[in-house]
């Protein structure tokens, strides 16, 4: 019973991962990288501006 349960879970997880990997295109990966860079830059700038506004000096 336990062996069957492990096989079922690994089959479901493996099938989900394989079907997801097949559907990911280069455009999707490039878009994700660009959005991550934009998010990091915006986060840095907002942190920098807030630090300058609220510093005690």
N, C-alpha and C. Protein backbone atom coordinates (compact mmCIF):
# COMPACT_ATOMS: atom_id res chain seq x y z
N UNK A 1 0.83 -1.20 0.00
CA UNK A 1 0.00 0.00 0.00
C UNK A 1 0.86 1.26 0.00
N UNK A 2 1.88 1.30 0.85
CA UNK A 2 2.74 2.48 0.92
C UNK A 2 3.54 2.64 -0.36
N UNK A 3 4.04 1.53 -0.92
CA UNK A 3 4.80 1.58 -2.16
C UNK A 3 3.94 2.12 -3.30
N UNK A 4 2.71 1.70 -3.36
CA UNK A 4 1.78 2.20 -4.38
C UNK A 4 1.57 3.70 -4.24
N UNK A 5 1.45 4.18 -3.00
CA UNK A 5 1.22 5.59 -2.74
C UNK A 5 2.42 6.42 -3.20
N UNK A 6 3.63 5.93 -2.94
CA UNK A 6 4.84 6.64 -3.35
C UNK A 6 4.93 6.67 -4.87
N UNK A 7 4.62 5.57 -5.52
CA UNK A 7 4.65 5.52 -6.98
C UNK A 7 3.64 6.48 -7.58
N UNK A 8 2.47 6.55 -6.99
CA UNK A 8 1.44 7.45 -7.49
C UNK A 8 1.88 8.90 -7.35
N UNK A 9 2.41 9.26 -6.18
CA UNK A 9 2.86 10.64 -5.96
C UNK A 9 4.00 11.01 -6.90
N UNK A 10 4.97 10.11 -7.06
CA UNK A 10 6.10 10.42 -7.93
C UNK A 10 5.65 10.51 -9.39
N UNK A 11 4.69 9.70 -9.78
CA UNK A 11 4.15 9.77 -11.14
C UNK A 11 3.43 11.07 -11.40
N UNK A 12 2.64 11.52 -10.44
CA UNK A 12 1.91 12.78 -10.60
C UNK A 12 2.88 13.96 -10.64
N UNK A 13 3.84 13.97 -9.73
CA UNK A 13 4.81 15.07 -9.70
C UNK A 13 5.67 15.07 -10.97
N UNK A 14 6.15 13.91 -11.38
CA UNK A 14 6.96 13.82 -12.59
C UNK A 14 6.19 14.25 -13.82
N UNK A 15 4.96 13.81 -13.95
CA UNK A 15 4.14 14.20 -15.10
C UNK A 15 3.85 15.69 -15.12
N UNK A 16 3.60 16.26 -13.96
CA UNK A 16 3.34 17.70 -13.88
C UNK A 16 4.58 18.49 -14.29
N UNK A 17 5.74 18.09 -13.76
CA UNK A 17 6.97 18.80 -14.11
C UNK A 17 7.30 18.68 -15.60
N UNK A 18 7.17 17.49 -16.15
CA UNK A 18 7.48 17.31 -17.57
C UNK A 18 6.52 18.09 -18.47
N UNK A 19 5.25 18.09 -18.13
CA UNK A 19 4.31 18.83 -18.97
C UNK A 19 4.52 20.34 -18.83
N UNK A 20 5.00 20.80 -17.69
CA UNK A 20 5.28 22.22 -17.52
C UNK A 20 6.54 22.62 -18.28
N UNK A 21 7.58 21.81 -18.19
CA UNK A 21 8.84 22.11 -18.86
C UNK A 21 8.66 22.17 -20.38
N UNK A 22 7.85 21.29 -20.91
CA UNK A 22 7.62 21.25 -22.36
C UNK A 22 6.95 22.53 -22.84
N UNK A 23 6.08 23.11 -22.03
CA UNK A 23 5.31 24.29 -22.44
C UNK A 23 6.01 25.62 -22.18
N UNK A 24 7.19 25.61 -21.55
CA UNK A 24 7.91 26.85 -21.30
C UNK A 24 8.75 27.19 -22.53
N UNK A 25 8.57 28.40 -23.03
CA UNK A 25 9.32 28.82 -24.21
C UNK A 25 10.45 29.76 -23.80
N UNK A 26 11.36 30.01 -24.74
CA UNK A 26 12.46 30.94 -24.49
C UNK A 26 11.93 32.34 -24.19
N UNK A 27 10.84 32.71 -24.85
CA UNK A 27 10.23 34.02 -24.62
C UNK A 27 9.78 34.16 -23.17
N UNK A 28 9.19 33.11 -22.62
CA UNK A 28 8.75 33.13 -21.22
C UNK A 28 9.92 33.30 -20.26
N UNK A 29 11.01 32.59 -20.53
CA UNK A 29 12.19 32.68 -19.67
C UNK A 29 12.80 34.08 -19.76
N UNK A 30 12.91 34.61 -20.97
CA UNK A 30 13.46 35.95 -21.16
C UNK A 30 12.59 37.01 -20.48
N UNK A 31 11.30 36.89 -20.61
CA UNK A 31 10.37 37.83 -19.97
C UNK A 31 10.51 37.78 -18.45
N UNK A 32 10.65 36.57 -17.90
CA UNK A 32 10.80 36.42 -16.46
C UNK A 32 12.10 37.05 -15.98
N UNK A 33 13.18 36.87 -16.73
CA UNK A 33 14.46 37.47 -16.35
C UNK A 33 14.38 38.99 -16.38
N UNK A 34 13.77 39.54 -17.42
CA UNK A 34 13.64 41.00 -17.53
C UNK A 34 12.79 41.56 -16.40
N UNK A 35 11.69 40.89 -16.09
CA UNK A 35 10.84 41.36 -14.99
C UNK A 35 11.54 41.27 -13.64
N UNK A 36 12.36 40.25 -13.44
CA UNK A 36 13.11 40.12 -12.19
C UNK A 36 14.14 41.24 -12.06
N UNK A 37 14.81 41.59 -13.15
CA UNK A 37 15.78 42.69 -13.12
C UNK A 37 15.08 44.01 -12.82
N UNK A 38 13.95 44.25 -13.47
CA UNK A 38 13.20 45.49 -13.23
C UNK A 38 12.74 45.53 -11.77
N UNK A 39 12.25 44.43 -11.25
CA UNK A 39 11.81 44.40 -9.87
C UNK A 39 12.93 44.65 -8.89
N UNK A 40 14.11 44.09 -9.16
CA UNK A 40 15.25 44.30 -8.27
C UNK A 40 15.71 45.76 -8.30
N UNK A 41 15.74 46.36 -9.47
CA UNK A 41 16.15 47.76 -9.59
C UNK A 41 15.16 48.68 -8.88
N UNK A 42 13.89 48.46 -9.09
CA UNK A 42 12.86 49.28 -8.44
C UNK A 42 12.94 49.11 -6.92
N UNK A 43 13.10 47.90 -6.45
CA UNK A 43 13.21 47.66 -5.02
C UNK A 43 14.42 48.38 -4.43
N UNK A 44 15.55 48.31 -5.12
CA UNK A 44 16.75 49.00 -4.65
C UNK A 44 16.53 50.50 -4.60
N UNK A 45 15.95 51.07 -5.66
CA UNK A 45 15.74 52.52 -5.71
C UNK A 45 14.78 52.99 -4.62
N UNK A 46 13.72 52.25 -4.40
CA UNK A 46 12.76 52.63 -3.35
C UNK A 46 13.42 52.55 -1.98
N UNK A 47 14.20 51.51 -1.73
CA UNK A 47 14.90 51.39 -0.46
C UNK A 47 15.89 52.53 -0.27
N UNK A 48 16.61 52.86 -1.33
CA UNK A 48 17.59 53.95 -1.27
C UNK A 48 16.92 55.28 -0.98
N UNK A 49 15.82 55.56 -1.68
CA UNK A 49 15.10 56.83 -1.48
C UNK A 49 14.52 56.91 -0.08
N UNK A 50 13.92 55.83 0.40
CA UNK A 50 13.36 55.83 1.75
C UNK A 50 14.45 55.99 2.81
N UNK A 51 15.60 55.37 2.58
CA UNK A 51 16.70 55.52 3.53
C UNK A 51 17.16 56.97 3.58
N UNK A 52 17.25 57.63 2.43
CA UNK A 52 17.65 59.05 2.39
C UNK A 52 16.60 59.95 3.03
N UNK A 53 15.33 59.64 2.84
CA UNK A 53 14.26 60.48 3.40
C UNK A 53 14.18 60.37 4.91
N UNK A 54 14.39 59.19 5.45
CA UNK A 54 14.17 58.95 6.87
C UNK A 54 15.46 58.79 7.67
N UNK A 55 16.60 59.15 7.08
CA UNK A 55 17.83 59.06 7.86
C UNK A 55 17.88 60.20 8.87
N UNK A 56 18.58 59.99 9.98
CA UNK A 56 18.59 60.97 11.05
C UNK A 56 19.60 62.09 10.83
N UNK A 57 20.46 61.96 9.85
CA UNK A 57 21.48 63.00 9.62
C UNK A 57 20.91 64.22 8.96
